[in-house]
Amino acid sequence: MSHSSDGSGNTKSAPVKQRMLYSTSKGAVESVLTGNGKEVDLKLEINSPKDLSVNEIQDKIHPPPVQEKKMFARPKPKFCRKK
């Protein structure tokens, strides 16, 4: 589902009626999804469709694997003591 209005969250450019309708509809859609055993994986709010690209959505849904930091390994001595 996608919804766009002239304003969101921190902006006040959308009329109050539109913001209230969006808020109510969003909650109802989430309730229907969770009631049918679905999970909402990602929630995005944008001011304009230009603010978001398909690549950004894919990166958020399927983030690149995080590489583990390797532990520091003490360097081995370059010489051996003779007995």
N, C-alpha and C. Protein backbone atom coordinates (compact mmCIF):
# COMPACT_ATOMS: atom_id res chain seq x y z
N MET A 1 0.83 -1.17 0.00
CA MET A 1 0.00 0.00 0.00
C MET A 1 0.88 1.23 0.00
N SER A 2 0.52 2.21 -0.74
CA SER A 2 1.25 3.46 -0.69
C SER A 2 0.26 4.59 -0.58
N HIS A 3 0.66 5.60 0.12
CA HIS A 3 -0.18 6.77 0.30
C HIS A 3 0.72 7.98 0.26
N SER A 4 0.28 9.01 -0.38
CA SER A 4 1.07 10.22 -0.38
C SER A 4 0.15 11.39 -0.14
N SER A 5 0.64 12.33 0.64
CA SER A 5 -0.10 13.57 0.86
C SER A 5 0.89 14.71 0.79
N ASP A 6 0.39 15.90 0.89
CA ASP A 6 1.27 17.06 0.76
C ASP A 6 2.16 17.27 1.97
N GLY A 7 1.97 16.56 3.03
CA GLY A 7 2.80 16.75 4.21
C GLY A 7 2.78 15.50 5.07
N SER A 8 3.74 15.38 5.96
CA SER A 8 3.77 14.26 6.88
C SER A 8 4.58 14.66 8.10
N GLY A 9 4.47 13.86 9.13
CA GLY A 9 5.24 13.99 10.34
C GLY A 9 5.56 15.40 10.80
N ASN A 10 6.70 15.89 10.37
CA ASN A 10 7.20 17.17 10.84
C ASN A 10 6.68 18.36 10.04
N THR A 11 6.00 18.13 8.94
CA THR A 11 5.52 19.25 8.14
C THR A 11 4.04 19.47 8.39
N LYS A 12 3.60 20.67 8.21
CA LYS A 12 2.20 21.02 8.43
C LYS A 12 1.54 21.45 7.13
N SER A 13 2.09 21.04 5.98
CA SER A 13 1.56 21.52 4.71
C SER A 13 0.25 20.85 4.31
N ALA A 14 -0.05 19.67 4.84
CA ALA A 14 -1.31 19.00 4.50
C ALA A 14 -2.39 19.50 5.46
N PRO A 15 -3.60 19.63 4.96
CA PRO A 15 -4.69 20.04 5.84
C PRO A 15 -4.91 19.02 6.96
N VAL A 16 -5.44 19.49 8.09
CA VAL A 16 -5.66 18.63 9.25
C VAL A 16 -6.53 17.43 8.88
N LYS A 17 -7.56 17.63 8.09
CA LYS A 17 -8.46 16.54 7.72
C LYS A 17 -7.70 15.43 7.00
N GLN A 18 -6.80 15.78 6.08
CA GLN A 18 -6.01 14.77 5.35
C GLN A 18 -5.08 14.03 6.30
N ARG A 19 -4.45 14.76 7.22
CA ARG A 19 -3.53 14.11 8.17
C ARG A 19 -4.28 13.14 9.07
N MET A 20 -5.47 13.52 9.52
CA MET A 20 -6.26 12.65 10.38
C MET A 20 -6.74 11.41 9.60
N LEU A 21 -7.17 11.60 8.38
CA LEU A 21 -7.61 10.49 7.54
C LEU A 21 -6.45 9.51 7.30
N TYR A 22 -5.27 10.05 7.02
CA TYR A 22 -4.08 9.21 6.82
C TYR A 22 -3.79 8.40 8.07
N SER A 23 -3.79 9.07 9.22
CA SER A 23 -3.47 8.40 10.48
C SER A 23 -4.46 7.28 10.77
N THR A 24 -5.73 7.53 10.59
CA THR A 24 -6.77 6.53 10.84
C THR A 24 -6.66 5.37 9.85
N SER A 25 -6.47 5.67 8.58
CA SER A 25 -6.36 4.63 7.55
C SER A 25 -5.13 3.77 7.78
N LYS A 26 -4.04 4.38 8.15
CA LYS A 26 -2.80 3.64 8.38
C LYS A 26 -3.00 2.61 9.49
N GLY A 27 -3.62 3.02 10.59
CA GLY A 27 -3.88 2.09 11.69
C GLY A 27 -4.80 0.96 11.29
N ALA A 28 -5.83 1.27 10.50
CA ALA A 28 -6.78 0.25 10.06
C ALA A 28 -6.10 -0.77 9.15
N VAL A 29 -5.28 -0.31 8.23
CA VAL A 29 -4.58 -1.21 7.31
C VAL A 29 -3.62 -2.11 8.10
N GLU A 30 -2.89 -1.54 9.06
CA GLU A 30 -1.98 -2.35 9.88
C GLU A 30 -2.76 -3.40 10.67
N SER A 31 -3.92 -3.05 11.20
CA SER A 31 -4.74 -4.01 11.95
C SER A 31 -5.21 -5.16 11.06
N VAL A 32 -5.64 -4.85 9.85
CA VAL A 32 -6.09 -5.89 8.92
C VAL A 32 -4.92 -6.82 8.59
N LEU A 33 -3.75 -6.25 8.32
CA LEU A 33 -2.59 -7.08 7.98
C LEU A 33 -2.21 -7.99 9.13
N THR A 34 -2.06 -7.44 10.33
CA THR A 34 -1.65 -8.26 11.46
C THR A 34 -2.75 -9.26 11.84
N GLY A 35 -4.01 -8.90 11.64
CA GLY A 35 -5.11 -9.83 11.90
C GLY A 35 -5.13 -11.01 10.96
N ASN A 36 -4.56 -10.85 9.79
CA ASN A 36 -4.49 -11.94 8.81
C ASN A 36 -3.13 -12.63 8.81
N GLY A 37 -2.38 -12.47 9.90
CA GLY A 37 -1.11 -13.17 10.05
C GLY A 37 0.04 -12.57 9.27
N LYS A 38 -0.11 -11.38 8.78
CA LYS A 38 0.98 -10.72 8.04
C LYS A 38 1.75 -9.82 8.99
N GLU A 39 2.97 -9.53 8.63
CA GLU A 39 3.82 -8.69 9.46
C GLU A 39 4.23 -7.45 8.66
N VAL A 40 4.18 -6.30 9.30
CA VAL A 40 4.62 -5.06 8.66
C VAL A 40 6.12 -4.96 8.88
N ASP A 41 6.88 -5.12 7.79
CA ASP A 41 8.34 -5.14 7.89
C ASP A 41 8.96 -3.75 7.83
N LEU A 42 8.29 -2.84 7.16
CA LEU A 42 8.90 -1.54 6.92
C LEU A 42 7.83 -0.47 6.86
N LYS A 43 8.07 0.62 7.57
CA LYS A 43 7.16 1.77 7.52
C LYS A 43 7.97 2.98 7.07
N LEU A 44 7.50 3.65 6.05
CA LEU A 44 8.19 4.83 5.53
C LEU A 44 7.21 5.98 5.43
N GLU A 45 7.65 7.16 5.81
CA GLU A 45 6.86 8.36 5.61
C GLU A 45 7.74 9.36 4.86
N ILE A 46 7.25 9.82 3.74
CA ILE A 46 8.01 10.76 2.93
C ILE A 46 7.13 11.95 2.57
N ASN A 47 7.75 13.05 2.24
CA ASN A 47 7.01 14.25 1.84
C ASN A 47 6.69 14.24 0.36
N SER A 48 7.52 13.59 -0.44
CA SER A 48 7.33 13.59 -1.88
C SER A 48 7.85 12.27 -2.44
N PRO A 49 7.25 11.74 -3.50
CA PRO A 49 7.76 10.52 -4.12
C PRO A 49 9.22 10.67 -4.56
N LYS A 50 9.65 11.89 -4.80
CA LYS A 50 11.04 12.13 -5.22
C LYS A 50 12.02 11.83 -4.09
N ASP A 51 11.53 11.81 -2.84
CA ASP A 51 12.39 11.60 -1.68
C ASP A 51 12.83 10.14 -1.52
N LEU A 52 12.29 9.24 -2.31
CA LEU A 52 12.56 7.82 -2.12
C LEU A 52 12.74 7.13 -3.46
N SER A 53 13.68 6.18 -3.51
CA SER A 53 13.91 5.43 -4.75
C SER A 53 13.71 3.94 -4.48
N VAL A 54 13.56 3.17 -5.52
CA VAL A 54 13.39 1.73 -5.41
C VAL A 54 14.61 1.11 -4.74
N ASN A 55 15.81 1.60 -5.08
CA ASN A 55 17.03 1.06 -4.47
C ASN A 55 17.05 1.27 -2.97
N GLU A 56 16.58 2.42 -2.50
CA GLU A 56 16.54 2.67 -1.06
C GLU A 56 15.59 1.70 -0.36
N ILE A 57 14.45 1.43 -0.97
CA ILE A 57 13.49 0.49 -0.39
C ILE A 57 14.10 -0.91 -0.34
N GLN A 58 14.74 -1.34 -1.42
CA GLN A 58 15.37 -2.66 -1.45
C GLN A 58 16.48 -2.77 -0.41
N ASP A 59 17.26 -1.70 -0.23
CA ASP A 59 18.32 -1.72 0.78
C ASP A 59 17.76 -1.81 2.19
N LYS A 60 16.60 -1.22 2.43
CA LYS A 60 15.99 -1.29 3.76
C LYS A 60 15.36 -2.66 4.01
N ILE A 61 14.78 -3.27 2.98
CA ILE A 61 14.16 -4.58 3.14
C ILE A 61 15.22 -5.68 3.18
N HIS A 62 16.22 -5.57 2.32
CA HIS A 62 17.30 -6.56 2.24
C HIS A 62 18.64 -5.85 2.45
N PRO A 63 18.99 -5.51 3.70
CA PRO A 63 20.24 -4.77 3.93
C PRO A 63 21.46 -5.63 3.59
N PRO A 64 22.55 -4.98 3.17
CA PRO A 64 23.76 -5.74 2.87
C PRO A 64 24.29 -6.39 4.15
N PRO A 65 24.92 -7.55 4.02
CA PRO A 65 25.42 -8.25 5.22
C PRO A 65 26.48 -7.41 5.94
N VAL A 66 26.44 -7.47 7.26
CA VAL A 66 27.40 -6.74 8.08
C VAL A 66 28.61 -7.63 8.30
N GLN A 67 29.78 -7.09 8.01
CA GLN A 67 31.00 -7.86 8.20
C GLN A 67 31.43 -7.77 9.66
N GLU A 68 31.79 -8.91 10.22
CA GLU A 68 32.23 -8.94 11.60
C GLU A 68 33.64 -8.37 11.70
N LYS A 69 33.87 -7.65 12.80
CA LYS A 69 35.21 -7.11 13.01
C LYS A 69 36.11 -8.24 13.49
N LYS A 70 37.30 -8.29 12.93
CA LYS A 70 38.25 -9.32 13.32
C LYS A 70 38.97 -8.88 14.58
N MET A 71 39.23 -9.84 15.45
CA MET A 71 39.97 -9.55 16.67
C MET A 71 41.42 -9.25 16.32
N PHE A 72 42.03 -8.41 17.14
CA PHE A 72 43.43 -8.08 16.92
C PHE A 72 44.28 -9.31 17.21
N ALA A 73 45.15 -9.64 16.27
CA ALA A 73 46.07 -10.76 16.45
C ALA A 73 47.47 -10.20 16.66
N ARG A 74 48.07 -10.59 17.79
CA ARG A 74 49.41 -10.09 18.07
C ARG A 74 50.37 -10.63 17.02
N PRO A 75 51.22 -9.75 16.48
CA PRO A 75 52.17 -10.22 15.47
C PRO A 75 53.14 -11.24 16.06
N LYS A 76 53.50 -12.21 15.27
CA LYS A 76 54.45 -13.22 15.72
C LYS A 76 55.86 -12.63 15.66
N PRO A 77 56.71 -13.03 16.61
CA PRO A 77 58.09 -12.49 16.59
C PRO A 77 58.82 -12.94 15.33
N LYS A 78 59.71 -12.08 14.85
CA LYS A 78 60.44 -12.39 13.63
C LYS A 78 61.71 -13.19 13.90
N PHE A 79 62.06 -13.35 15.16
CA PHE A 79 63.28 -14.09 15.47
C PHE A 79 62.96 -15.16 16.50
N CYS A 80 63.80 -16.17 16.56
CA CYS A 80 63.65 -17.24 17.54
C CYS A 80 64.88 -17.25 18.43
N ARG A 81 64.68 -17.48 19.70
CA ARG A 81 65.82 -17.56 20.62
C ARG A 81 66.46 -18.94 20.50
N LYS A 82 67.77 -18.96 20.48
CA LYS A 82 68.47 -20.24 20.44
C LYS A 82 68.86 -20.64 21.84
N LYS A 83 68.74 -21.91 22.14
CA LYS A 83 69.11 -22.40 23.47
C LYS A 83 70.46 -22.99 23.45
